[in-house]
Amino acid sequence: MSDKPTPPASESIDEDNLMHFPCDFALKVMGENINNYPDYVLSVCQQHVECVTESCVHTRPSRSGKYIAVTVQLVATSRQQLDDLYIELNNHEQTKMAL
């Protein structure tokens, strides 16, 4: 018999990081502030996550305006989903960092 509590049927656990899915998640990305970068981030998120709209996106430009921080509030459903998001966002030439 296991000492670990069993999650509800609609919830899964990523054993490596102890994340419970689904969960609210703040995806943070920094990129060059050109070519409507926040729109690109939003479109990638919409491909991987349901119910992500412009109201879920918050931006903050760097002091110089050269870079822009983009935060997207979303509901993550699995570790694989988050991994896929990070891979696609990091492969974009304007992306400097994704957290």
N, C-alpha and C. Protein backbone atom coordinates (compact mmCIF):
# COMPACT_ATOMS: atom_id res chain seq x y z
N MET A 1 0.83 -1.18 0.00
CA MET A 1 0.00 0.00 0.00
C MET A 1 0.88 1.25 0.00
N SER A 2 0.54 2.23 -0.83
CA SER A 2 1.35 3.43 -0.98
C SER A 2 0.96 4.48 0.05
N ASP A 3 1.97 5.24 0.53
CA ASP A 3 1.72 6.33 1.46
C ASP A 3 1.35 7.62 0.75
N LYS A 4 1.52 7.66 -0.58
CA LYS A 4 1.21 8.86 -1.35
C LYS A 4 -0.29 8.99 -1.51
N PRO A 5 -0.82 10.21 -1.33
CA PRO A 5 -2.25 10.40 -1.57
C PRO A 5 -2.54 10.26 -3.06
N THR A 6 -3.68 9.73 -3.37
CA THR A 6 -4.08 9.55 -4.76
C THR A 6 -4.80 10.81 -5.22
N PRO A 7 -4.37 11.41 -6.35
CA PRO A 7 -5.05 12.61 -6.83
C PRO A 7 -6.43 12.26 -7.36
N PRO A 8 -7.34 13.25 -7.38
CA PRO A 8 -8.63 13.01 -8.00
C PRO A 8 -8.46 12.55 -9.43
N ALA A 9 -9.43 11.85 -9.97
CA ALA A 9 -9.34 11.27 -11.32
C ALA A 9 -9.04 12.31 -12.39
N SER A 10 -9.52 13.55 -12.23
CA SER A 10 -9.32 14.57 -13.25
C SER A 10 -8.01 15.31 -13.09
N GLU A 11 -7.21 14.94 -12.11
CA GLU A 11 -5.95 15.62 -11.83
C GLU A 11 -4.79 14.65 -12.01
N SER A 12 -3.70 15.12 -12.61
CA SER A 12 -2.51 14.28 -12.73
C SER A 12 -1.35 14.98 -12.04
N ILE A 13 -0.33 14.22 -11.71
CA ILE A 13 0.84 14.76 -11.02
C ILE A 13 2.08 14.45 -11.82
N ASP A 14 2.92 15.46 -12.01
CA ASP A 14 4.23 15.26 -12.61
C ASP A 14 5.16 14.90 -11.46
N GLU A 15 5.50 13.61 -11.33
CA GLU A 15 6.29 13.12 -10.20
C GLU A 15 7.65 13.79 -10.08
N ASP A 16 8.27 14.17 -11.22
CA ASP A 16 9.59 14.78 -11.18
C ASP A 16 9.59 16.15 -10.53
N ASN A 17 8.53 16.91 -10.75
CA ASN A 17 8.49 18.29 -10.26
C ASN A 17 7.34 18.54 -9.30
N LEU A 18 6.56 17.53 -9.01
CA LEU A 18 5.43 17.64 -8.11
C LEU A 18 4.46 18.74 -8.52
N MET A 19 4.29 18.91 -9.80
CA MET A 19 3.27 19.84 -10.30
C MET A 19 1.97 19.08 -10.45
N HIS A 20 0.90 19.69 -10.06
CA HIS A 20 -0.42 19.09 -10.19
C HIS A 20 -1.11 19.70 -11.41
N PHE A 21 -1.60 18.86 -12.28
CA PHE A 21 -2.27 19.33 -13.49
C PHE A 21 -3.72 18.92 -13.45
N PRO A 22 -4.62 19.76 -13.94
CA PRO A 22 -4.37 21.09 -14.51
C PRO A 22 -4.02 22.10 -13.42
N CYS A 23 -3.29 23.15 -13.81
CA CYS A 23 -2.91 24.19 -12.86
C CYS A 23 -2.79 25.54 -13.56
N ASP A 24 -3.01 26.60 -12.79
CA ASP A 24 -2.77 27.94 -13.30
C ASP A 24 -1.26 28.10 -13.45
N PHE A 25 -0.85 28.71 -14.55
CA PHE A 25 0.57 28.82 -14.84
C PHE A 25 0.85 30.16 -15.49
N ALA A 26 1.89 30.83 -15.06
CA ALA A 26 2.32 32.10 -15.66
C ALA A 26 3.55 31.81 -16.51
N LEU A 27 3.36 31.79 -17.82
CA LEU A 27 4.44 31.59 -18.77
C LEU A 27 5.12 32.93 -19.00
N LYS A 28 6.42 32.99 -18.80
CA LYS A 28 7.15 34.26 -18.96
C LYS A 28 8.19 34.10 -20.06
N VAL A 29 8.15 35.05 -20.99
CA VAL A 29 9.05 35.01 -22.14
C VAL A 29 9.63 36.41 -22.34
N MET A 30 10.91 36.47 -22.70
CA MET A 30 11.52 37.74 -23.04
C MET A 30 12.05 37.64 -24.46
N GLY A 31 11.77 38.68 -25.25
CA GLY A 31 12.24 38.68 -26.62
C GLY A 31 12.50 40.09 -27.11
N GLU A 32 12.98 40.17 -28.34
CA GLU A 32 13.22 41.47 -28.96
C GLU A 32 11.88 42.14 -29.22
N ASN A 33 11.81 43.42 -28.96
CA ASN A 33 10.57 44.18 -29.09
C ASN A 33 10.37 44.67 -30.53
N ILE A 34 10.27 43.70 -31.45
CA ILE A 34 10.04 44.01 -32.86
C ILE A 34 9.03 43.02 -33.42
N ASN A 35 8.47 43.35 -34.57
CA ASN A 35 7.58 42.45 -35.31
C ASN A 35 6.44 41.88 -34.47
N ASN A 36 5.85 42.73 -33.60
CA ASN A 36 4.72 42.29 -32.78
C ASN A 36 5.00 41.00 -32.03
N TYR A 37 6.13 40.94 -31.35
CA TYR A 37 6.53 39.74 -30.62
C TYR A 37 5.44 39.22 -29.67
N PRO A 38 4.75 40.08 -28.91
CA PRO A 38 3.69 39.55 -28.04
C PRO A 38 2.59 38.81 -28.82
N ASP A 39 2.30 39.26 -30.03
CA ASP A 39 1.30 38.56 -30.85
C ASP A 39 1.79 37.17 -31.23
N TYR A 40 3.09 37.03 -31.49
CA TYR A 40 3.66 35.72 -31.79
C TYR A 40 3.51 34.80 -30.58
N VAL A 41 3.87 35.30 -29.41
CA VAL A 41 3.78 34.50 -28.18
C VAL A 41 2.33 34.05 -27.96
N LEU A 42 1.39 34.97 -28.13
CA LEU A 42 -0.03 34.63 -27.97
C LEU A 42 -0.45 33.55 -28.95
N SER A 43 -0.03 33.66 -30.20
CA SER A 43 -0.44 32.66 -31.21
C SER A 43 0.12 31.28 -30.89
N VAL A 44 1.35 31.21 -30.39
CA VAL A 44 1.93 29.92 -30.01
C VAL A 44 1.14 29.34 -28.83
N CYS A 45 0.85 30.16 -27.85
CA CYS A 45 0.08 29.68 -26.69
C CYS A 45 -1.29 29.17 -27.12
N GLN A 46 -1.93 29.87 -28.04
CA GLN A 46 -3.26 29.45 -28.50
C GLN A 46 -3.21 28.12 -29.24
N GLN A 47 -2.09 27.79 -29.85
CA GLN A 47 -1.94 26.51 -30.54
C GLN A 47 -1.84 25.35 -29.55
N HIS A 48 -1.35 25.63 -28.35
CA HIS A 48 -1.09 24.57 -27.38
C HIS A 48 -2.08 24.53 -26.20
N VAL A 49 -2.78 25.65 -25.97
CA VAL A 49 -3.62 25.76 -24.78
C VAL A 49 -4.99 26.33 -25.16
N GLU A 50 -6.04 25.74 -24.63
CA GLU A 50 -7.38 26.25 -24.88
C GLU A 50 -7.62 27.52 -24.06
N CYS A 51 -8.50 28.35 -24.56
CA CYS A 51 -9.00 29.53 -23.83
C CYS A 51 -7.95 30.59 -23.51
N VAL A 52 -6.93 30.73 -24.32
CA VAL A 52 -5.95 31.80 -24.13
C VAL A 52 -6.36 32.95 -25.05
N THR A 53 -6.58 34.11 -24.46
CA THR A 53 -7.00 35.29 -25.23
C THR A 53 -6.03 36.44 -24.97
N GLU A 54 -6.23 37.54 -25.65
CA GLU A 54 -5.38 38.72 -25.47
C GLU A 54 -5.41 39.22 -24.02
N SER A 55 -6.53 39.01 -23.33
CA SER A 55 -6.63 39.47 -21.94
C SER A 55 -5.73 38.67 -21.00
N CYS A 56 -5.23 37.52 -21.46
CA CYS A 56 -4.32 36.68 -20.66
C CYS A 56 -2.87 37.13 -20.79
N VAL A 57 -2.61 38.06 -21.70
CA VAL A 57 -1.24 38.49 -22.01
C VAL A 57 -0.94 39.84 -21.38
N HIS A 58 0.19 39.90 -20.69
CA HIS A 58 0.65 41.16 -20.09
C HIS A 58 2.08 41.39 -20.58
N THR A 59 2.38 42.63 -20.93
CA THR A 59 3.70 42.95 -21.45
C THR A 59 4.36 44.06 -20.65
N ARG A 60 5.68 44.07 -20.68
CA ARG A 60 6.46 45.14 -20.07
C ARG A 60 7.72 45.32 -20.87
N PRO A 61 7.90 46.49 -21.48
CA PRO A 61 9.12 46.74 -22.26
C PRO A 61 10.30 46.99 -21.33
N SER A 62 11.50 46.72 -21.83
CA SER A 62 12.72 47.04 -21.07
C SER A 62 12.88 48.56 -21.04
N ARG A 63 13.77 49.03 -20.21
CA ARG A 63 13.99 50.49 -20.11
C ARG A 63 14.34 51.09 -21.46
N SER A 64 15.17 50.41 -22.22
CA SER A 64 15.60 50.94 -23.51
C SER A 64 14.56 50.71 -24.60
N GLY A 65 13.61 49.79 -24.33
CA GLY A 65 12.59 49.47 -25.33
C GLY A 65 13.05 48.42 -26.33
N LYS A 66 14.28 47.95 -26.21
CA LYS A 66 14.80 46.97 -27.16
C LYS A 66 14.18 45.59 -26.94
N TYR A 67 13.84 45.27 -25.70
CA TYR A 67 13.27 43.96 -25.37
C TYR A 67 11.89 44.14 -24.76
N ILE A 68 11.13 43.05 -24.75
CA ILE A 68 9.82 43.08 -24.12
C ILE A 68 9.60 41.78 -23.37
N ALA A 69 9.10 41.91 -22.14
CA ALA A 69 8.74 40.75 -21.33
C ALA A 69 7.26 40.48 -21.55
N VAL A 70 6.95 39.23 -21.83
CA VAL A 70 5.57 38.82 -22.09
C VAL A 70 5.21 37.74 -21.07
N THR A 71 4.13 37.98 -20.33
CA THR A 71 3.61 36.99 -19.39
C THR A 71 2.24 36.56 -19.87
N VAL A 72 2.04 35.25 -19.96
CA VAL A 72 0.74 34.71 -20.39
C VAL A 72 0.21 33.85 -19.25
N GLN A 73 -0.95 34.22 -18.74
CA GLN A 73 -1.63 33.43 -17.71
C GLN A 73 -2.44 32.36 -18.42
N LEU A 74 -2.19 31.10 -18.09
CA LEU A 74 -2.89 30.00 -18.76
C LEU A 74 -3.13 28.86 -17.79
N VAL A 75 -3.90 27.89 -18.24
CA VAL A 75 -4.13 26.68 -17.47
C VAL A 75 -3.37 25.56 -18.17
N ALA A 76 -2.32 25.08 -17.51
CA ALA A 76 -1.51 24.00 -18.06
C ALA A 76 -2.16 22.67 -17.72
N THR A 77 -2.18 21.77 -18.70
CA THR A 77 -2.81 20.47 -18.47
C THR A 77 -1.82 19.32 -18.36
N SER A 78 -0.55 19.55 -18.74
CA SER A 78 0.46 18.49 -18.61
C SER A 78 1.86 19.08 -18.74
N ARG A 79 2.82 18.32 -18.29
CA ARG A 79 4.23 18.71 -18.43
C ARG A 79 4.62 18.73 -19.90
N GLN A 80 4.11 17.77 -20.66
CA GLN A 80 4.41 17.71 -22.09
C GLN A 80 3.93 18.98 -22.80
N GLN A 81 2.75 19.45 -22.44
CA GLN A 81 2.22 20.68 -23.02
C GLN A 81 3.17 21.85 -22.76
N LEU A 82 3.64 21.98 -21.53
CA LEU A 82 4.57 23.06 -21.19
C LEU A 82 5.89 22.90 -21.93
N ASP A 83 6.40 21.68 -21.98
CA ASP A 83 7.64 21.43 -22.73
C ASP A 83 7.50 21.84 -24.18
N ASP A 84 6.38 21.48 -24.81
CA ASP A 84 6.14 21.84 -26.21
C ASP A 84 6.09 23.35 -26.40
N LEU A 85 5.46 24.05 -25.47
CA LEU A 85 5.41 25.52 -25.53
C LEU A 85 6.82 26.10 -25.46
N TYR A 86 7.59 25.66 -24.46
CA TYR A 86 8.95 26.19 -24.29
C TYR A 86 9.83 25.91 -25.50
N ILE A 87 9.73 24.72 -26.05
CA ILE A 87 10.54 24.38 -27.22
C ILE A 87 10.21 25.29 -28.39
N GLU A 88 8.91 25.45 -28.68
CA GLU A 88 8.53 26.30 -29.82
C GLU A 88 8.92 27.74 -29.60
N LEU A 89 8.68 28.27 -28.40
CA LEU A 89 9.02 29.66 -28.13
C LEU A 89 10.54 29.89 -28.18
N ASN A 90 11.30 28.98 -27.63
CA ASN A 90 12.77 29.14 -27.62
C ASN A 90 13.38 28.99 -29.00
N ASN A 91 12.69 28.34 -29.92
CA ASN A 91 13.21 28.19 -31.28
C ASN A 91 13.03 29.44 -32.13
N HIS A 92 12.27 30.39 -31.65
CA HIS A 92 12.04 31.62 -32.41
C HIS A 92 13.25 32.54 -32.27
N GLU A 93 13.67 33.13 -33.38
CA GLU A 93 14.89 33.95 -33.39
C GLU A 93 14.81 35.18 -32.48
N GLN A 94 13.61 35.71 -32.22
CA GLN A 94 13.49 36.89 -31.36
C GLN A 94 13.50 36.54 -29.87
N THR A 95 13.24 35.30 -29.51
CA THR A 95 13.17 34.91 -28.11
C THR A 95 14.57 34.88 -27.50
N LYS A 96 14.70 35.54 -26.38
CA LYS A 96 15.97 35.55 -25.64
C LYS A 96 15.92 34.60 -24.45
N MET A 97 14.71 34.44 -23.85
CA MET A 97 14.60 33.60 -22.66
C MET A 97 13.13 33.26 -22.43
N ALA A 98 12.87 32.03 -22.00
CA ALA A 98 11.53 31.62 -21.62
C ALA A 98 11.62 30.94 -20.26
N LEU A 99 10.76 31.37 -19.34
CA LEU A 99 10.76 30.82 -17.98
C LEU A 99 9.41 30.21 -17.67
